[in-house]
Each structure stands twice: as C-alpha cells, then as structure tokens.
C-alpha atoms as a PDB file:
ATOM      1  CA  GLN A   1     -71.555 -34.706  -2.310  1.00  0.00           C
ATOM      2  CA  VAL A   2     -73.889 -37.526  -3.273  1.00  0.00           C
ATOM      3  CA  GLN A   3     -73.700 -38.855  -6.803  1.00  0.00           C
ATOM      4  CA  VAL A   4     -75.304 -41.791  -8.556  1.00  0.00           C
ATOM      5  CA  VAL A   5     -74.077 -42.890 -11.954  1.00  0.00           C
ATOM      6  CA  GLU A   6     -75.843 -45.370 -14.208  1.00  0.00           C
ATOM      7  CA  ALA A   7     -74.347 -47.700 -16.763  1.00  0.00           C
ATOM      8  CA  GLY A   8     -75.437 -50.630 -18.883  1.00  0.00           C
ATOM      9  CA  GLY A   9     -78.091 -49.349 -21.229  1.00  0.00           C
ATOM     10  CA  GLY A  10     -78.162 -50.189 -24.888  1.00  0.00           C
ATOM     11  CA  LEU A  11     -80.045 -51.727 -27.768  1.00  0.00           C
ATOM     12  CA  VAL A  12     -81.456 -55.222 -27.429  1.00  0.00           C
ATOM     13  CA  GLN A  13     -83.958 -57.348 -29.293  1.00  0.00           C
ATOM     14  CA  ALA A  14     -87.287 -58.266 -27.753  1.00  0.00           C
ATOM     15  CA  GLY A  15     -86.861 -61.226 -25.442  1.00  0.00           C
ATOM     16  CA  GLY A  16     -83.313 -60.245 -24.612  1.00  0.00           C
ATOM     17  CA  SER A  17     -81.712 -59.163 -21.356  1.00  0.00           C
ATOM     18  CA  LEU A  18     -79.775 -56.220 -20.003  1.00  0.00           C
ATOM     19  CA  ARG A  19     -78.324 -55.359 -16.646  1.00  0.00           C
ATOM     20  CA  LEU A  20     -78.181 -51.772 -15.472  1.00  0.00           C
ATOM     21  CA  SER A  21     -75.903 -50.638 -12.696  1.00  0.00           C
ATOM     22  CA  CYS A  22     -76.029 -47.604 -10.439  1.00  0.00           C
ATOM     23  CA  ALA A  23     -72.845 -46.741  -8.608  1.00  0.00           C
ATOM     24  CA  ALA A  24     -73.268 -44.433  -5.633  1.00  0.00           C
ATOM     25  CA  ALA A  25     -70.769 -42.063  -4.069  1.00  0.00           C
ATOM     26  CA  GLY A  26     -71.142 -39.974  -0.943  1.00  0.00           C
ATOM     27  CA  THR A  27     -73.815 -42.222   0.512  1.00  0.00           C
ATOM     28  CA  SER A  28     -74.393 -45.901   1.155  1.00  0.00           C
ATOM     29  CA  VAL A  29     -76.842 -47.853  -1.001  1.00  0.00           C
ATOM     30  CA  SER A  30     -77.581 -50.084   1.976  1.00  0.00           C
ATOM     31  CA  SER A  31     -78.723 -47.146   4.103  1.00  0.00           C
ATOM     32  CA  ASN A  32     -81.115 -45.535   1.674  1.00  0.00           C
ATOM     33  CA  ALA A  33     -84.039 -46.270  -0.552  1.00  0.00           C
ATOM     34  CA  MET A  34     -82.660 -46.792  -4.040  1.00  0.00           C
ATOM     35  CA  GLY A  35     -84.855 -46.960  -7.070  1.00  0.00           C
ATOM     36  CA  TRP A  36     -84.948 -47.257 -10.823  1.00  0.00           C
ATOM     37  CA  TYR A  37     -87.317 -45.056 -12.758  1.00  0.00           C
ATOM     38  CA  ARG A  38     -87.961 -44.835 -16.473  1.00  0.00           C
ATOM     39  CA  GLN A  39     -89.427 -42.322 -18.845  1.00  0.00           C
ATOM     40  CA  ALA A  40     -90.520 -43.108 -22.351  1.00  0.00           C
ATOM     41  CA  PRO A  41     -91.090 -40.390 -24.973  1.00  0.00           C
ATOM     42  CA  GLY A  42     -94.352 -38.593 -24.355  1.00  0.00           C
ATOM     43  CA  LYS A  43     -94.960 -40.387 -21.068  1.00  0.00           C
ATOM     44  CA  GLN A  44     -94.523 -39.538 -17.422  1.00  0.00           C
ATOM     45  CA  ARG A  45     -91.645 -40.912 -15.439  1.00  0.00           C
ATOM     46  CA  GLU A  46     -92.602 -44.058 -13.580  1.00  0.00           C
ATOM     47  CA  LEU A  47     -91.118 -46.143 -10.820  1.00  0.00           C
ATOM     48  CA  VAL A  48     -89.791 -49.447 -12.106  1.00  0.00           C
ATOM     49  CA  ALA A  49     -88.294 -50.977  -8.977  1.00  0.00           C
ATOM     50  CA  ARG A  50     -87.143 -49.956  -5.531  1.00  0.00           C
ATOM     51  CA  ILE A  51     -85.069 -51.486  -2.770  1.00  0.00           C
ATOM     52  CA  ILE A  52     -85.084 -50.049   0.716  1.00  0.00           C
ATOM     53  CA  SER A  53     -82.500 -50.179   3.458  1.00  0.00           C
ATOM     54  CA  GLY A  54     -83.987 -53.317   5.003  1.00  0.00           C
ATOM     55  CA  GLY A  55     -83.764 -55.100   1.678  1.00  0.00           C
ATOM     56  CA  SER A  56     -87.440 -55.165   0.781  1.00  0.00           C
ATOM     57  CA  THR A  57     -88.221 -54.604  -2.860  1.00  0.00           C
ATOM     58  CA  ASN A  58     -91.204 -53.525  -4.894  1.00  0.00           C
ATOM     59  CA  TYR A  59     -91.857 -53.434  -8.625  1.00  0.00           C
ATOM     60  CA  ALA A  60     -94.169 -51.911 -11.139  1.00  0.00           C
ATOM     61  CA  ASP A  61     -96.789 -54.425 -12.215  1.00  0.00           C
ATOM     62  CA  SER A  62     -95.556 -54.220 -15.790  1.00  0.00           C
ATOM     63  CA  VAL A  63     -92.116 -55.592 -14.881  1.00  0.00           C
ATOM     64  CA  LYS A  64     -92.913 -58.096 -12.145  1.00  0.00           C
ATOM     65  CA  GLY A  65     -91.390 -61.467 -12.891  1.00  0.00           C
ATOM     66  CA  ARG A  66     -89.058 -59.995 -15.516  1.00  0.00           C
ATOM     67  CA  PHE A  67     -86.954 -57.405 -13.664  1.00  0.00           C
ATOM     68  CA  THR A  68     -84.962 -57.835 -10.477  1.00  0.00           C
ATOM     69  CA  ILE A  69     -83.434 -55.085  -8.380  1.00  0.00           C
ATOM     70  CA  SER A  70     -80.492 -55.933  -6.162  1.00  0.00           C
ATOM     71  CA  ARG A  71     -77.554 -54.304  -4.479  1.00  0.00           C
ATOM     72  CA  ASP A  72     -73.936 -55.078  -3.726  1.00  0.00           C
ATOM     73  CA  ASN A  73     -73.060 -53.297  -0.514  1.00  0.00           C
ATOM     74  CA  ALA A  74     -69.347 -53.918  -0.940  1.00  0.00           C
ATOM     75  CA  LYS A  75     -69.400 -52.212  -4.336  1.00  0.00           C
ATOM     76  CA  ASN A  76     -71.959 -49.639  -3.192  1.00  0.00           C
ATOM     77  CA  THR A  77     -73.899 -50.380  -6.348  1.00  0.00           C
ATOM     78  CA  VAL A  78     -77.502 -51.155  -7.194  1.00  0.00           C
ATOM     79  CA  TYR A  79     -78.440 -53.294 -10.183  1.00  0.00           C
ATOM     80  CA  LEU A  80     -81.499 -53.788 -12.318  1.00  0.00           C
ATOM     81  CA  GLN A  81     -81.507 -57.111 -14.114  1.00  0.00           C
ATOM     82  CA  MET A  82     -83.984 -56.997 -16.972  1.00  0.00           C
ATOM     83  CA  LYS A  83     -85.088 -60.161 -18.747  1.00  0.00           C
ATOM     84  CA  ASN A  84     -87.603 -60.920 -21.449  1.00  0.00           C
ATOM     85  CA  LEU A  85     -87.492 -57.313 -22.545  1.00  0.00           C
ATOM     86  CA  LYS A  86     -90.350 -55.917 -24.568  1.00  0.00           C
ATOM     87  CA  PRO A  87     -90.498 -52.960 -26.958  1.00  0.00           C
ATOM     88  CA  GLU A  88     -92.635 -51.145 -24.400  1.00  0.00           C
ATOM     89  CA  ASP A  89     -89.681 -51.244 -21.986  1.00  0.00           C
ATOM     90  CA  THR A  90     -87.908 -48.753 -24.224  1.00  0.00           C
ATOM     91  CA  ALA A  91     -87.151 -45.664 -22.145  1.00  0.00           C
ATOM     92  CA  VAL A  92     -84.480 -43.667 -20.390  1.00  0.00           C
ATOM     93  CA  TYR A  93     -83.783 -45.422 -17.110  1.00  0.00           C
ATOM     94  CA  SER A  94     -82.629 -43.327 -14.183  1.00  0.00           C
ATOM     95  CA  CYS A  95     -81.278 -44.265 -10.794  1.00  0.00           C
ATOM     96  CA  HIS A  96     -82.686 -42.488  -7.754  1.00  0.00           C
ATOM     97  CA  ALA A  97     -81.414 -42.244  -4.194  1.00  0.00           C
ATOM     98  CA  LEU A  98     -83.613 -41.037  -1.361  1.00  0.00           C
ATOM     99  CA  VAL A  99     -81.181 -39.904   1.302  1.00  0.00           C
ATOM    100  CA  ILE A 100     -82.223 -38.951   4.796  1.00  0.00           C
ATOM    101  CA  GLY A 101     -79.584 -36.780   6.398  1.00  0.00           C
ATOM    102  CA  PRO A 102     -79.110 -34.055   9.006  1.00  0.00           C
ATOM    103  CA  VAL A 103     -80.693 -31.480   6.703  1.00  0.00           C
ATOM    104  CA  GLY A 104     -83.680 -33.626   5.883  1.00  0.00           C
ATOM    105  CA  VAL A 105     -84.678 -35.731   2.897  1.00  0.00           C
ATOM    106  CA  ARG A 106     -82.830 -35.247  -0.358  1.00  0.00           C
ATOM    107  CA  ASN A 107     -83.412 -36.760  -3.767  1.00  0.00           C
ATOM    108  CA  TYR A 108     -80.507 -37.574  -6.042  1.00  0.00           C
ATOM    109  CA  TRP A 109     -80.784 -38.619  -9.669  1.00  0.00           C
ATOM    110  CA  GLY A 110     -78.379 -40.053 -12.158  1.00  0.00           C
ATOM    111  CA  GLN A 111     -78.049 -38.776 -15.683  1.00  0.00           C
ATOM    112  CA  GLY A 112     -80.041 -41.665 -17.113  1.00  0.00           C
ATOM    113  CA  THR A 113     -79.219 -44.441 -19.531  1.00  0.00           C
ATOM    114  CA  GLN A 114     -81.123 -45.288 -22.695  1.00  0.00           C
ATOM    115  CA  VAL A 115     -82.649 -48.726 -23.100  1.00  0.00           C
ATOM    116  CA  THR A 116     -84.044 -49.510 -26.524  1.00  0.00           C
ATOM    117  CA  VAL A 117     -85.838 -52.768 -27.241  1.00  0.00           C
ATOM    118  CA  SER A 118     -86.457 -53.596 -30.877  1.00  0.00           C
ATOM    119  CA  ALA A 119     -89.345 -55.769 -31.989  1.00  0.00           C
END
C-alpha cells in the first residue's frame, strides 16, 4: 500500500520561509515522479514543483527562484523548501506520487498541509 504523508505547514509572515516534507511508504521517491501541488480557496489545484526519477525538476513560474524541491533517498522523503513567501502562496499543499507499477499508472495523494502567509 502506497502512502504519502505531508508535514511542515503553518503560519508565516510574508518574506519568511517554510519547509514541507513528504514521507513515502510502499514506494521509492527515487523511482517515481514526486510533486507538490497547491490549492487556494476558490482556485483550481496547480502544480508547484515536481522531481522525476532522474532528478530533473520543474517549477511553476510563480515560484521559480523561491521554492526548491529535493529528495532524500535514504529517508524516502521529498521536501519543498519555500523562501520569500508571499500572501498569494497561501494554500493547502499536497504531495503527489505518480507510481508506475505492474497494474499501470497510479496516483497517490497526501492529506494536504495548510500554508498561510500573512501580509
């Protein structure tokens, strides 16, 4: 059974930093595409950052230069380091794992963690 569990959200002032973590079980973060998505009230969920098995990363334009996605294979955990946070970064952030297995492609989501940035 694949599970991904986020941690690290909270309340921070504009300009501050937070680090989110996504611990995976039942699959390896180094073997799959792992991503962070966010959804703000009244808005659609959007991709924030992704890291694929080869290590390549991509980011939403709105977070480039401020957010960094990384992984620790030994801890089987993916991180999202967020710096220079802005009020518009306020959202529920969710970890996503795209797992390719014998039964095909499966999507796994965490429960989400709230990030609130005050002005």
